[in-house]
Protein backbone atom coordinates (compact mmCIF):
# COMPACT_ATOMS: atom_id res chain seq x y z
CA MET A 1 -105.07 0.67 55.77
CA THR A 2 -103.90 3.57 53.54
CA HIS A 3 -105.64 6.33 51.88
CA LYS A 4 -105.73 6.48 48.41
CA THR A 5 -105.11 10.30 47.23
CA THR A 6 -108.01 11.21 44.89
CA GLU A 7 -107.99 13.31 41.68
CA LYS A 8 -109.54 16.32 43.45
CA GLU A 9 -106.45 15.70 46.37
CA PHE A 10 -103.93 15.43 43.84
CA LEU A 11 -105.59 18.68 41.90
CA ASP A 12 -104.97 21.11 45.21
CA ILE A 13 -101.23 19.42 45.33
CA PHE A 14 -100.36 20.29 42.36
CA ASN A 15 -101.72 23.88 42.09
CA ARG A 16 -99.96 24.27 45.34
CA LEU A 17 -96.94 22.99 43.80
CA LYS A 18 -97.52 25.04 40.82
CA GLY A 19 -98.02 28.11 42.69
CA GLU A 20 -94.22 27.43 44.56
CA SER A 21 -93.03 27.21 40.85
CA GLY A 22 -94.34 30.52 39.56
CA THR A 23 -94.20 30.71 35.79
CA HIS A 24 -92.87 27.55 35.35
CA SER A 25 -93.76 23.88 35.69
CA PRO A 26 -93.22 21.82 38.81
CA SER A 27 -89.99 19.83 38.11
CA LEU A 28 -90.90 15.92 38.00
CA THR A 29 -88.71 15.77 41.56
CA ASP A 30 -91.29 18.48 42.87
CA LEU A 31 -93.54 16.19 41.87
CA LEU A 32 -92.95 12.33 43.08
CA GLY A 33 -91.09 14.27 46.06
CA GLU A 34 -94.98 15.23 47.48
CA CYS A 35 -97.30 12.57 45.06
CA GLN A 36 -95.19 9.33 45.59
CA PHE A 37 -98.42 7.20 44.36
CA LEU A 38 -97.61 9.01 41.15
CA LYS A 39 -96.02 7.70 38.35
CA ILE A 40 -94.69 9.91 35.42
CA ASN A 41 -94.78 7.62 32.16
CA ILE A 42 -94.33 10.29 29.48
CA ASP A 43 -93.28 13.74 29.92
CA ALA A 44 -94.18 16.14 27.60
CA CYS A 45 -93.90 19.18 29.56
CA PHE A 46 -90.10 19.25 28.89
CA LEU A 47 -89.67 20.32 25.33
CA SER A 48 -86.75 17.55 24.08
CA ASN A 49 -85.60 15.61 21.53
CA PRO A 50 -85.51 11.78 23.58
CA TYR A 51 -83.70 10.28 20.94
CA ALA A 52 -81.08 13.02 21.04
CA THR A 53 -81.07 12.29 25.17
CA ASP A 54 -80.06 8.45 23.90
CA LEU A 55 -77.44 9.28 21.95
CA PHE A 56 -75.62 11.34 24.70
CA PHE A 57 -75.84 8.80 26.96
CA GLU A 58 -74.57 6.26 24.67
CA TYR A 59 -71.58 8.16 24.57
CA LEU A 60 -71.15 9.04 28.13
CA ASN A 61 -71.01 5.53 28.77
CA ASN A 62 -68.53 4.71 26.19
CA GLU A 63 -66.01 7.72 26.35
CA VAL A 64 -66.56 8.48 29.95
CA ILE A 65 -68.26 6.28 32.15
CA GLN A 66 -66.61 2.77 30.78
CA THR A 67 -62.91 4.23 31.04
CA ASN A 68 -63.23 5.66 34.33
CA LYS A 69 -62.51 9.14 33.14
CA LEU A 70 -65.80 10.13 35.12
CA ARG A 71 -63.70 10.88 38.61
CA ASN A 72 -61.61 13.59 36.48
CA ILE A 73 -64.59 15.58 35.10
CA LEU A 74 -66.06 15.47 38.78
CA GLU A 75 -62.90 15.99 40.74
CA PHE A 76 -61.06 18.74 38.52
CA TYR A 77 -61.84 22.42 37.26
CA PRO A 78 -63.63 22.65 33.90
CA SER A 79 -62.26 24.78 31.50
CA GLN A 80 -62.75 28.43 31.46
CA ASN A 81 -65.44 30.09 28.96
CA ARG A 82 -63.41 31.34 26.25
CA SER A 83 -61.37 27.81 26.25
CA ILE A 84 -64.68 26.13 25.23
CA ALA A 85 -65.72 29.06 23.22
CA LYS A 86 -62.51 27.98 21.34
CA SER A 87 -63.94 24.62 21.04
CA LEU A 88 -67.27 25.15 20.35
CA SER A 89 -65.95 27.54 17.31
CA ARG A 90 -64.82 25.00 15.03
CA GLN A 91 -67.86 23.07 14.66
CA ILE A 92 -70.32 26.38 14.28
CA ASP A 93 -67.66 28.04 12.33
CA ILE A 94 -68.05 31.10 14.13
CA GLU A 95 -64.95 32.50 16.02
CA ALA A 96 -64.65 32.26 19.36
CA LYS A 97 -64.33 36.15 20.23
CA ASN A 98 -67.84 36.30 19.39
CA ILE A 99 -69.13 33.16 21.31
CA PHE A 100 -70.11 33.55 25.08
CA ILE A 101 -70.65 30.08 26.68
CA GLY A 102 -73.63 29.80 29.54
CA ASN A 103 -74.66 27.75 32.03
CA GLY A 104 -77.94 26.75 30.08
CA ALA A 105 -79.49 29.67 28.17
CA ILE A 106 -80.99 30.94 31.04
CA GLU A 107 -78.53 32.18 32.08
CA ILE A 108 -76.97 34.28 29.43
CA ILE A 109 -80.53 35.75 28.85
CA GLN A 110 -80.74 37.16 32.35
CA ALA A 111 -76.50 37.84 32.03
CA VAL A 112 -77.73 39.82 28.67
CA PHE A 113 -80.52 41.54 30.37
CA HIS A 114 -78.59 42.85 33.61
CA GLN A 115 -75.75 44.06 31.48
CA PHE A 116 -77.12 45.93 28.22
CA ALA A 117 -81.19 46.00 28.08
CA THR A 118 -80.89 49.19 30.50
CA GLY A 119 -84.00 51.03 28.52
CA ARG A 120 -87.15 49.90 27.60
CA THR A 121 -87.50 46.20 25.80
CA LEU A 122 -90.57 45.07 23.66
CA ILE A 123 -91.54 41.89 24.19
CA ASN A 124 -94.21 39.89 21.86
CA ILE A 125 -96.60 38.20 23.73
CA PRO A 126 -97.27 35.14 23.99
CA THR A 127 -94.04 34.10 25.25
CA PHE A 128 -91.73 32.57 27.37
CA SER A 129 -91.91 34.64 30.73
CA SER A 130 -88.25 35.08 31.61
CA TYR A 131 -87.43 37.63 29.30
CA TYR A 132 -90.04 39.84 30.97
CA GLU A 133 -89.14 38.43 34.74
CA PHE A 134 -85.25 39.48 34.06
CA ILE A 135 -86.41 42.99 33.77
CA LYS A 136 -85.41 44.67 36.33
CA ASN A 137 -87.63 47.65 36.27
CA PRO A 138 -91.51 46.35 35.40
CA GLN A 139 -91.65 49.72 33.50
CA ASN A 140 -89.81 49.23 31.24
CA ILE A 141 -91.63 46.46 29.50
CA ILE A 142 -93.61 47.21 26.44
CA PHE A 143 -95.48 43.97 25.51
CA ASN A 144 -96.74 43.60 21.93
CA GLN A 145 -99.78 41.33 21.49
CA LEU A 146 -99.85 39.27 18.46
CA LYS A 147 -103.24 38.34 17.87
CA LYS A 148 -105.37 34.93 18.63
CA GLU A 149 -107.57 36.06 15.26
CA GLU A 150 -103.84 35.52 13.38
CA ASN A 151 -103.15 32.60 15.44
CA TYR A 152 -100.79 34.56 17.48
CA LYS A 153 -98.27 34.93 13.94
CA LEU A 154 -96.04 37.76 14.00
CA ASN A 155 -97.00 40.10 11.52
CA ILE A 156 -93.20 41.97 10.59
CA VAL A 157 -94.70 44.88 8.78
CA GLU A 158 -96.77 45.72 11.71
CA TYR A 159 -94.35 44.80 13.97
CA ILE A 160 -91.46 46.98 12.05
CA LYS A 161 -93.94 49.62 12.66
CA ILE A 162 -94.83 49.48 16.20
CA VAL A 163 -90.61 49.28 17.10
CA LYS A 164 -90.42 52.14 14.93
CA GLU A 165 -92.64 54.38 16.69
CA GLN A 166 -92.05 53.21 20.54
CA MET A 167 -87.84 52.80 19.82
CA PRO A 168 -87.38 50.35 22.94
CA ASP A 169 -83.74 50.25 23.72
CA THR A 170 -84.08 46.01 23.10
CA VAL A 171 -86.59 43.79 21.23
CA VAL A 172 -86.84 40.25 21.59
CA LEU A 173 -87.82 37.97 19.09
CA ILE A 174 -88.08 33.70 19.52
CA ASN A 175 -87.82 31.78 16.59
CA PRO A 176 -89.66 29.36 16.33
CA ASN A 177 -91.86 31.04 19.07
CA ASN A 178 -92.58 29.56 22.74
CA PRO A 179 -95.45 28.20 23.52
CA ASP A 180 -97.16 28.45 19.89
CA GLY A 181 -94.30 27.54 17.54
CA ASN A 182 -94.95 30.41 15.13
CA PHE A 183 -91.55 30.67 12.70
CA ILE A 184 -90.42 34.11 10.79
CA ASP A 185 -88.38 32.65 7.76
CA SER A 186 -85.10 34.10 6.67
CA LYS A 187 -86.35 36.44 3.97
CA GLN A 188 -88.52 38.07 7.04
CA LEU A 189 -85.83 38.37 9.52
CA GLU A 190 -83.58 39.41 7.33
CA LEU A 191 -85.94 42.83 6.71
CA LEU A 192 -86.92 43.03 9.93
CA LEU A 193 -83.22 43.12 10.58
CA LEU A 194 -82.33 46.35 8.36
CA GLU A 195 -85.62 47.65 9.43
CA LEU A 196 -84.18 48.04 13.10
CA VAL A 197 -80.24 48.87 12.38
CA ASP A 198 -81.02 51.92 14.94
CA ILE A 199 -82.05 49.16 18.15
CA LYS A 200 -79.75 49.31 20.47
CA ASN A 201 -80.35 45.01 21.07
CA ILE A 202 -82.13 42.71 19.29
CA ILE A 203 -81.95 39.40 21.00
CA LEU A 204 -83.09 36.22 18.74
CA ASP A 205 -83.50 33.62 20.66
CA GLU A 206 -83.25 29.76 18.23
CA SER A 207 -83.35 27.68 21.03
CA PHE A 208 -86.03 25.72 18.66
CA VAL A 209 -84.52 26.19 15.62
CA HIS A 210 -83.18 22.88 14.67
CA PHE A 211 -86.56 21.50 14.91
CA ALA A 212 -87.87 23.86 11.63
CA THR A 213 -87.83 23.49 8.42
CA ASN A 214 -86.93 26.30 5.76
CA GLU A 215 -88.65 27.73 2.71
CA GLU A 216 -87.79 24.96 0.64
CA GLY A 217 -89.45 22.51 3.45
CA ASP A 218 -86.13 20.52 3.63
CA TYR A 219 -84.48 19.49 7.06
CA GLN A 220 -81.14 21.22 6.22
CA LEU A 221 -80.24 22.88 10.08
CA ILE A 222 -81.10 26.68 10.38
CA SER A 223 -79.11 29.48 12.05
CA SER A 224 -78.95 32.97 11.82
CA ASP A 225 -75.18 32.76 13.36
CA LYS A 226 -73.80 34.30 10.30
CA LEU A 227 -75.95 37.19 10.09
CA ILE A 228 -73.90 38.75 13.77
CA SER A 229 -71.01 40.23 11.39
CA LYS A 230 -73.52 41.91 9.69
CA TYR A 231 -75.81 43.17 12.59
CA PRO A 232 -73.07 44.39 15.54
CA ASN A 233 -76.65 44.84 17.46
CA LEU A 234 -78.11 41.30 17.07
CA ILE A 235 -77.50 38.56 19.98
CA LEU A 236 -78.10 35.28 19.28
CA ILE A 237 -79.13 32.80 22.22
CA LYS A 238 -79.01 29.12 21.70
CA SER A 239 -80.75 26.59 24.25
CA LEU A 240 -78.48 23.15 24.04
CA SER A 241 -81.54 21.95 26.04
CA LYS A 242 -84.11 20.89 23.84
CA ASP A 243 -82.47 19.56 20.40
CA PHE A 244 -79.81 17.41 22.77
CA GLY A 245 -82.07 16.49 25.09
CA ILE A 246 -79.56 17.15 28.05
CA ALA A 247 -81.60 19.90 30.36
CA GLY A 248 -79.62 18.54 33.45
CA VAL A 249 -76.09 19.29 32.08
CA ARG A 250 -76.87 22.96 31.73
CA CYS A 251 -75.70 24.28 28.08
CA GLY A 252 -75.88 27.04 26.24
CA TYR A 253 -74.45 30.02 24.21
CA ALA A 254 -74.67 32.91 22.34
CA ILE A 255 -73.43 35.06 19.55
CA MET A 256 -72.80 38.65 19.82
CA ASN A 257 -70.44 41.22 19.40
CA GLU A 258 -66.94 40.94 20.56
CA GLU A 259 -67.27 43.86 22.63
CA LYS A 260 -70.33 42.21 24.73
CA VAL A 261 -68.30 39.08 25.08
CA ASN A 262 -65.46 40.85 26.83
CA THR A 263 -68.41 42.34 28.93
CA LEU A 264 -69.88 39.38 30.16
CA LEU A 265 -66.65 37.73 31.08
CA ASN A 266 -65.42 40.48 32.96
CA ASN A 267 -68.21 40.73 34.99
CA GLY A 268 -68.19 36.91 36.78
CA TYR A 269 -68.09 34.14 34.01
CA LEU A 270 -65.13 32.59 34.21
CA TRP A 271 -65.67 28.96 35.44
CA ASN A 272 -69.74 29.03 34.50
CA SER A 273 -70.02 25.57 32.66
CA ASN A 274 -69.45 21.98 34.80
CA GLY A 275 -67.16 18.89 33.75
CA ILE A 276 -70.10 17.35 32.07
CA ALA A 277 -71.39 20.03 30.22
CA GLU A 278 -67.51 20.63 28.67
CA TYR A 279 -67.86 17.89 27.80
CA PHE A 280 -70.50 17.48 25.59
CA PHE A 281 -69.23 20.81 24.18
CA ARG A 282 -66.04 19.01 23.04
CA LEU A 283 -68.10 16.15 21.93
CA TYR A 284 -70.73 18.44 19.58
CA THR A 285 -67.13 19.28 17.38
CA GLN A 286 -66.92 15.11 16.77
CA SER A 287 -68.28 14.95 13.24
CA ASP A 288 -69.56 11.17 13.71
CA PHE A 289 -71.73 12.68 16.73
CA PHE A 290 -73.05 15.67 15.06
CA GLU A 291 -73.56 13.27 11.61
CA LYS A 292 -75.50 10.39 14.09
CA TYR A 293 -77.39 13.53 15.83
CA ASN A 294 -78.22 15.03 12.48
CA ASN A 295 -79.60 11.50 11.44
CA ILE A 296 -81.77 11.36 14.64
CA ARG A 297 -82.86 14.81 14.45
CA ILE A 298 -84.53 14.61 11.17
CA ARG A 299 -86.11 11.30 12.45
CA TYR A 300 -88.00 13.39 15.34
CA ILE A 301 -89.07 16.35 13.08
CA LEU A 302 -91.16 13.36 10.87
CA GLU A 303 -92.33 12.03 14.15
CA THR A 304 -93.42 15.18 15.57
CA GLN A 305 -95.29 16.31 12.29
CA GLU A 306 -96.98 12.80 12.29
CA PHE A 307 -98.30 13.62 15.80
CA HIS A 308 -99.52 16.99 14.12
CA ARG A 309 -101.80 15.14 11.85
CA GLN A 310 -102.81 12.88 14.81
CA LEU A 311 -103.82 15.84 16.84
CA LYS A 312 -105.90 17.36 14.32
CA LYS A 313 -108.24 14.73 13.94
CA ILE A 314 -109.21 15.10 18.11
CA PRO A 315 -112.60 16.89 18.31
CA ASN A 316 -113.05 19.76 20.73
CA ILE A 317 -109.52 21.49 20.05
CA LYS A 318 -107.89 23.56 17.79
CA ILE A 319 -104.28 22.58 17.07
CA TYR A 320 -102.00 25.54 16.09
CA SER A 321 -99.51 24.96 13.27
CA SER A 322 -96.07 24.95 14.98
CA GLN A 323 -92.32 24.52 13.85
CA ALA A 324 -91.02 23.58 16.84
CA ASN A 325 -91.03 20.19 18.74
CA PHE A 326 -94.78 21.06 19.89
CA PHE A 327 -97.98 22.46 19.96
CA LEU A 328 -100.19 25.08 21.22
CA ILE A 329 -103.46 23.43 21.63
CA GLU A 330 -106.65 25.56 22.81
CA LEU A 331 -109.67 23.28 24.48
CA LEU A 332 -112.62 24.07 22.87
CA ASN A 333 -115.21 21.93 24.68
CA GLY A 334 -115.89 24.36 28.08
CA LYS A 335 -113.35 22.54 30.19
CA SER A 336 -110.30 23.88 31.89
CA ALA A 337 -106.65 23.28 30.68
CA SER A 338 -106.18 23.15 34.63
CA SER A 339 -108.26 20.02 35.00
CA VAL A 340 -107.37 18.12 31.64
CA GLN A 341 -103.50 18.45 32.92
CA ALA A 342 -104.70 17.00 36.05
CA GLN A 343 -106.59 14.05 34.61
CA LEU A 344 -103.43 13.52 32.32
CA LEU A 345 -101.14 13.55 34.99
CA TYR A 346 -103.62 11.47 37.30
CA ARG A 347 -105.15 8.97 35.15
CA TYR A 348 -102.35 8.50 32.66
CA GLY A 349 -98.83 9.36 34.43
CA ILE A 350 -98.76 12.23 30.76
CA TYR A 351 -97.49 15.66 32.34
CA VAL A 352 -98.23 17.94 29.51
CA ARG A 353 -98.09 21.84 30.33
CA ASN A 354 -101.00 23.83 31.25
CA CYS A 355 -100.45 27.83 29.75
CA GLU A 356 -102.85 29.63 31.88
CA ASP A 357 -100.31 31.64 33.72
CA LYS A 358 -99.37 32.62 30.33
CA ILE A 359 -99.04 36.05 29.39
CA GLY A 360 -101.05 36.81 26.07
CA LEU A 361 -103.25 33.75 25.61
CA ASP A 362 -107.23 34.03 25.54
CA GLY A 363 -108.66 31.12 26.52
CA GLU A 364 -107.94 27.58 28.00
CA PHE A 365 -104.83 25.82 26.52
CA LEU A 366 -102.28 23.17 26.58
CA ARG A 367 -98.86 23.02 25.19
CA ILE A 368 -97.97 19.28 24.18
CA ALA A 369 -94.17 18.38 23.67
CA SER A 370 -93.58 15.99 20.36
CA ARG A 371 -92.16 12.64 22.24
CA THR A 372 -91.29 9.34 20.70
CA LEU A 373 -93.61 7.82 18.22
CA GLU A 374 -95.15 5.32 20.91
CA GLN A 375 -95.19 7.74 23.26
CA ASN A 376 -97.02 10.15 20.99
CA MET A 377 -99.68 7.84 19.90
CA ILE A 378 -100.24 6.82 23.87
CA ILE A 379 -101.02 10.76 24.49
CA ILE A 380 -103.33 10.80 21.61
CA SER A 381 -105.77 8.02 22.80
CA ALA A 382 -105.43 9.92 26.13
CA LEU A 383 -106.87 13.14 25.09
CA LYS A 384 -108.94 11.29 23.05
CA ASP A 385 -110.52 9.66 26.24
CA ILE A 386 -110.49 12.94 28.02
CA LEU A 387 -111.90 15.37 25.55
């Protein structure tokens, strides 16, 4: 008789895999490899727009697979970094000399820190852990603890004061922030940049900005890329994994002054993209693709807003406001985040992010990504059952 893995046994396996993954969640491949009994129905840990993934695959299938062009993409070298930047520049209306193409945003973060952030770095917490993990000397990290009583929202006036007192070499801002989804609007951001002109590097990560709405509450695309010409100390980082749902392709780019781009290109980033990534970057410039993408982007935002309204109806939890495609949830009924995460995965096949390893969070927190409307309702039902 085959032994059925109990929930407790599964939790032990999962905790071991989590320990091996460091400050990131175990991949689905690792999970399913160790837990073959497990069925993943909904991945609400990964922060992507599933409708965008469908759109990309539709184009990939029609333009590459069905036309037998996939072999060329696999067999031949992709274009060099500068060539892909030239293609992308037409879509985002930024000169190619200011664009650095990355093998995902994570490569860009690492490259920027190792080349430019040589002194002290001020980082708000909680935040994406790679920003402090890539700093070579931990003594160079200055943590700015965001206040729980202010819902981890950045107080711009206080922040400017702290930066001027500490005078770090580099500051890091994620907008919207991960894991809470708080957003700095354009007026506050401009004030911040004006006040911090003497800081060597201002890293602004806008990986989730396609999910945000502006001060008018409409759904126009938001970006700070045009500020690069005005503020040469600004380094804008953009992941394409989240908004376009293509984490497996590894696409990201940064916008920065020409000197910084040249420094990176002269230090080992000539062919750092793969053929599928280059195909996506060139697809990104097609007007028909981008028009379809923008329509599903707005649809996804509307469904995410509905997800937030439904989450707020669940007792025993606190839902933090978010301008991203995920929500930070605090458990208030004494249950641990690890146990709720395991129950969701074991009983329902729903994978969410346990935030117990996030520096700067005080309490039991989960981060849950918005998926399709149907999947979101399944998540709501499972949370109600468990909580």
